[in-house]
Amino acid sequence: MEFKSILIKDTTKEEREMIVKNSMDCGGGCENCSSCWLGGGSPWDVYQDYIDGKREIREINAEYMDSYRQGRNIV
């Protein structure tokens, strides 16, 4: 299996949409997921900046985790 970069510079918008869709697919479908209503937020909203080519996934994930930790020492 060949690894392809997921960086914005190496992907098209359509590829980034597929990357987000495939990474969020747990097999159960969104209708069976409680992440959104428990405060996780819609993955499409969370990763829209990545899809639009504005911010890398690592930046979004870091910001998301910082807001989740709320200053607590959570690894």
N, C-alpha and C. Protein backbone atom coordinates (compact mmCIF):
# COMPACT_ATOMS: atom_id res chain seq x y z
N MET A 1 0.84 -1.18 0.00
CA MET A 1 0.00 0.00 0.00
C MET A 1 0.88 1.24 0.00
N GLU A 2 0.60 2.14 -0.91
CA GLU A 2 1.38 3.36 -1.04
C GLU A 2 0.78 4.46 -0.19
N PHE A 3 1.62 5.16 0.55
CA PHE A 3 1.17 6.26 1.39
C PHE A 3 1.18 7.53 0.56
N LYS A 4 0.09 8.27 0.61
CA LYS A 4 0.00 9.55 -0.08
C LYS A 4 -0.14 10.64 0.96
N SER A 5 0.52 11.73 0.73
CA SER A 5 0.46 12.87 1.64
C SER A 5 -0.97 13.40 1.73
N ILE A 6 -1.34 13.84 2.93
CA ILE A 6 -2.65 14.46 3.13
C ILE A 6 -2.52 15.98 3.29
N LEU A 7 -1.32 16.50 3.08
CA LEU A 7 -1.11 17.94 3.19
C LEU A 7 -1.92 18.68 2.12
N ILE A 8 -2.33 19.87 2.45
CA ILE A 8 -3.13 20.67 1.52
C ILE A 8 -2.41 20.84 0.19
N LYS A 9 -1.11 21.10 0.22
CA LYS A 9 -0.36 21.34 -1.01
C LYS A 9 -0.32 20.11 -1.92
N ASP A 10 -0.57 18.94 -1.37
CA ASP A 10 -0.48 17.69 -2.13
C ASP A 10 -1.85 17.11 -2.49
N THR A 11 -2.94 17.81 -2.17
CA THR A 11 -4.27 17.26 -2.39
C THR A 11 -5.19 18.28 -3.04
N THR A 12 -6.22 17.77 -3.68
CA THR A 12 -7.27 18.63 -4.21
C THR A 12 -8.38 18.73 -3.17
N LYS A 13 -9.29 19.65 -3.36
CA LYS A 13 -10.41 19.80 -2.44
C LYS A 13 -11.21 18.50 -2.39
N GLU A 14 -11.43 17.88 -3.53
CA GLU A 14 -12.19 16.63 -3.58
C GLU A 14 -11.48 15.53 -2.80
N GLU A 15 -10.15 15.47 -2.91
CA GLU A 15 -9.39 14.47 -2.15
C GLU A 15 -9.49 14.74 -0.65
N ARG A 16 -9.45 16.02 -0.26
CA ARG A 16 -9.55 16.36 1.17
C ARG A 16 -10.93 16.00 1.71
N GLU A 17 -11.97 16.19 0.92
CA GLU A 17 -13.31 15.77 1.34
C GLU A 17 -13.35 14.26 1.58
N MET A 18 -12.73 13.50 0.69
CA MET A 18 -12.69 12.04 0.84
C MET A 18 -11.84 11.63 2.05
N ILE A 19 -10.75 12.33 2.30
CA ILE A 19 -9.90 12.04 3.45
C ILE A 19 -10.71 12.21 4.74
N VAL A 20 -11.44 13.31 4.85
CA VAL A 20 -12.26 13.56 6.04
C VAL A 20 -13.36 12.51 6.13
N LYS A 21 -14.04 12.27 5.03
CA LYS A 21 -15.13 11.29 5.04
C LYS A 21 -14.63 9.91 5.44
N ASN A 22 -13.54 9.46 4.84
CA ASN A 22 -13.01 8.13 5.13
C ASN A 22 -12.46 8.01 6.55
N SER A 23 -11.88 9.08 7.07
CA SER A 23 -11.31 9.01 8.42
C SER A 23 -12.40 9.05 9.49
N MET A 24 -13.56 9.56 9.15
CA MET A 24 -14.66 9.64 10.11
C MET A 24 -15.60 8.45 10.01
N ASP A 25 -15.36 7.58 9.08
CA ASP A 25 -16.26 6.44 8.87
C ASP A 25 -15.89 5.31 9.82
N CYS A 26 -16.70 5.17 10.87
CA CYS A 26 -16.45 4.11 11.85
C CYS A 26 -17.21 2.85 11.48
N GLY A 27 -18.00 2.93 10.41
CA GLY A 27 -18.76 1.77 9.98
C GLY A 27 -20.20 1.79 10.45
N GLY A 28 -20.51 2.62 11.44
CA GLY A 28 -21.85 2.67 11.98
C GLY A 28 -22.72 3.75 11.37
N GLY A 29 -22.10 4.68 10.67
CA GLY A 29 -22.86 5.78 10.10
C GLY A 29 -23.08 6.88 11.13
N CYS A 30 -23.21 8.08 10.66
CA CYS A 30 -23.37 9.24 11.56
C CYS A 30 -24.64 9.15 12.40
N GLU A 31 -25.68 8.53 11.87
CA GLU A 31 -26.93 8.49 12.61
C GLU A 31 -26.82 7.68 13.91
N ASN A 32 -25.80 6.85 14.02
CA ASN A 32 -25.61 6.05 15.23
C ASN A 32 -24.50 6.59 16.14
N CYS A 33 -23.98 7.75 15.79
CA CYS A 33 -22.86 8.32 16.53
C CYS A 33 -23.35 9.37 17.51
N SER A 34 -22.77 9.41 18.69
CA SER A 34 -23.17 10.42 19.68
C SER A 34 -22.14 11.52 19.82
N SER A 35 -21.07 11.49 19.06
CA SER A 35 -20.00 12.47 19.20
C SER A 35 -20.48 13.90 19.01
N CYS A 36 -21.26 14.15 17.99
CA CYS A 36 -21.70 15.51 17.69
C CYS A 36 -22.50 16.12 18.82
N TRP A 37 -23.49 15.41 19.31
CA TRP A 37 -24.35 16.00 20.33
C TRP A 37 -23.75 15.93 21.72
N LEU A 38 -22.63 15.24 21.90
CA LEU A 38 -21.93 15.24 23.19
C LEU A 38 -20.83 16.29 23.22
N GLY A 39 -20.80 17.15 22.22
CA GLY A 39 -19.84 18.25 22.21
C GLY A 39 -18.71 18.08 21.22
N GLY A 40 -18.66 16.96 20.53
CA GLY A 40 -17.60 16.76 19.56
C GLY A 40 -17.72 17.66 18.36
N GLY A 41 -18.94 17.97 18.00
CA GLY A 41 -19.17 18.81 16.84
C GLY A 41 -19.20 17.98 15.56
N SER A 42 -19.84 18.52 14.58
CA SER A 42 -19.91 17.86 13.29
C SER A 42 -18.52 17.79 12.67
N PRO A 43 -18.08 16.61 12.22
CA PRO A 43 -16.77 16.51 11.59
C PRO A 43 -16.65 17.42 10.38
N TRP A 44 -17.75 17.62 9.68
CA TRP A 44 -17.70 18.50 8.50
C TRP A 44 -17.43 19.93 8.92
N ASP A 45 -18.02 20.36 10.04
CA ASP A 45 -17.76 21.70 10.54
C ASP A 45 -16.34 21.81 11.10
N VAL A 46 -15.92 20.83 11.86
CA VAL A 46 -14.60 20.84 12.48
C VAL A 46 -13.50 20.90 11.42
N TYR A 47 -13.64 20.13 10.35
CA TYR A 47 -12.58 20.02 9.35
C TYR A 47 -12.84 20.82 8.08
N GLN A 48 -13.80 21.74 8.10
CA GLN A 48 -14.11 22.53 6.90
C GLN A 48 -12.92 23.37 6.44
N ASP A 49 -12.15 23.94 7.38
CA ASP A 49 -10.97 24.71 6.99
C ASP A 49 -9.96 23.85 6.24
N TYR A 50 -9.81 22.60 6.63
CA TYR A 50 -8.91 21.69 5.91
C TYR A 50 -9.47 21.42 4.51
N ILE A 51 -10.72 21.10 4.43
CA ILE A 51 -11.35 20.83 3.13
C ILE A 51 -11.18 22.03 2.21
N ASP A 52 -11.35 23.23 2.76
CA ASP A 52 -11.23 24.45 1.96
C ASP A 52 -9.79 24.87 1.70
N GLY A 53 -8.82 24.15 2.27
CA GLY A 53 -7.42 24.45 2.03
C GLY A 53 -6.86 25.59 2.86
N LYS A 54 -7.49 25.87 4.01
CA LYS A 54 -7.06 26.99 4.85
C LYS A 54 -6.12 26.57 5.98
N ARG A 55 -6.35 25.39 6.58
CA ARG A 55 -5.54 24.91 7.71
C ARG A 55 -5.32 23.41 7.57
N GLU A 56 -4.15 22.96 7.98
CA GLU A 56 -3.83 21.53 7.93
C GLU A 56 -4.57 20.79 9.05
N ILE A 57 -4.75 19.50 8.85
CA ILE A 57 -5.42 18.65 9.83
C ILE A 57 -4.73 18.74 11.19
N ARG A 58 -3.41 18.72 11.21
CA ARG A 58 -2.67 18.75 12.48
C ARG A 58 -2.97 20.03 13.27
N GLU A 59 -3.16 21.15 12.58
CA GLU A 59 -3.49 22.41 13.25
C GLU A 59 -4.89 22.34 13.87
N ILE A 60 -5.83 21.81 13.11
CA ILE A 60 -7.21 21.69 13.59
C ILE A 60 -7.26 20.75 14.78
N ASN A 61 -6.57 19.60 14.67
CA ASN A 61 -6.56 18.64 15.78
C ASN A 61 -5.94 19.23 17.03
N ALA A 62 -4.85 19.98 16.89
CA ALA A 62 -4.20 20.59 18.05
C ALA A 62 -5.12 21.60 18.72
N GLU A 63 -5.79 22.43 17.92
CA GLU A 63 -6.72 23.41 18.48
C GLU A 63 -7.89 22.71 19.18
N TYR A 64 -8.40 21.67 18.56
CA TYR A 64 -9.52 20.91 19.13
C TYR A 64 -9.13 20.31 20.47
N MET A 65 -7.94 19.70 20.52
CA MET A 65 -7.49 19.08 21.77
C MET A 65 -7.23 20.12 22.85
N ASP A 66 -6.69 21.28 22.48
CA ASP A 66 -6.48 22.35 23.46
C ASP A 66 -7.80 22.80 24.06
N SER A 67 -8.83 22.93 23.23
CA SER A 67 -10.12 23.35 23.76
C SER A 67 -10.75 22.25 24.62
N TYR A 68 -10.50 20.99 24.27
CA TYR A 68 -11.01 19.86 25.06
C TYR A 68 -10.35 19.81 26.43
N ARG A 69 -9.05 20.04 26.45
CA ARG A 69 -8.30 19.96 27.72
C ARG A 69 -8.68 21.08 28.68
N GLN A 70 -9.01 22.23 28.15
CA GLN A 70 -9.38 23.40 28.97
C GLN A 70 -8.40 23.64 30.10
N GLY A 71 -7.13 23.59 29.79
CA GLY A 71 -6.10 23.86 30.78
C GLY A 71 -5.76 22.72 31.70
N ARG A 72 -6.50 21.60 31.60
CA ARG A 72 -6.22 20.43 32.44
C ARG A 72 -5.06 19.65 31.86
N ASN A 73 -4.38 18.91 32.69
CA ASN A 73 -3.25 18.09 32.24
C ASN A 73 -3.76 16.73 31.76
N ILE A 74 -4.32 16.72 30.58
CA ILE A 74 -4.85 15.50 29.97
C ILE A 74 -3.96 15.15 28.79
N VAL A 75 -3.49 13.93 28.75
CA VAL A 75 -2.58 13.52 27.68
C VAL A 75 -3.36 13.14 26.44
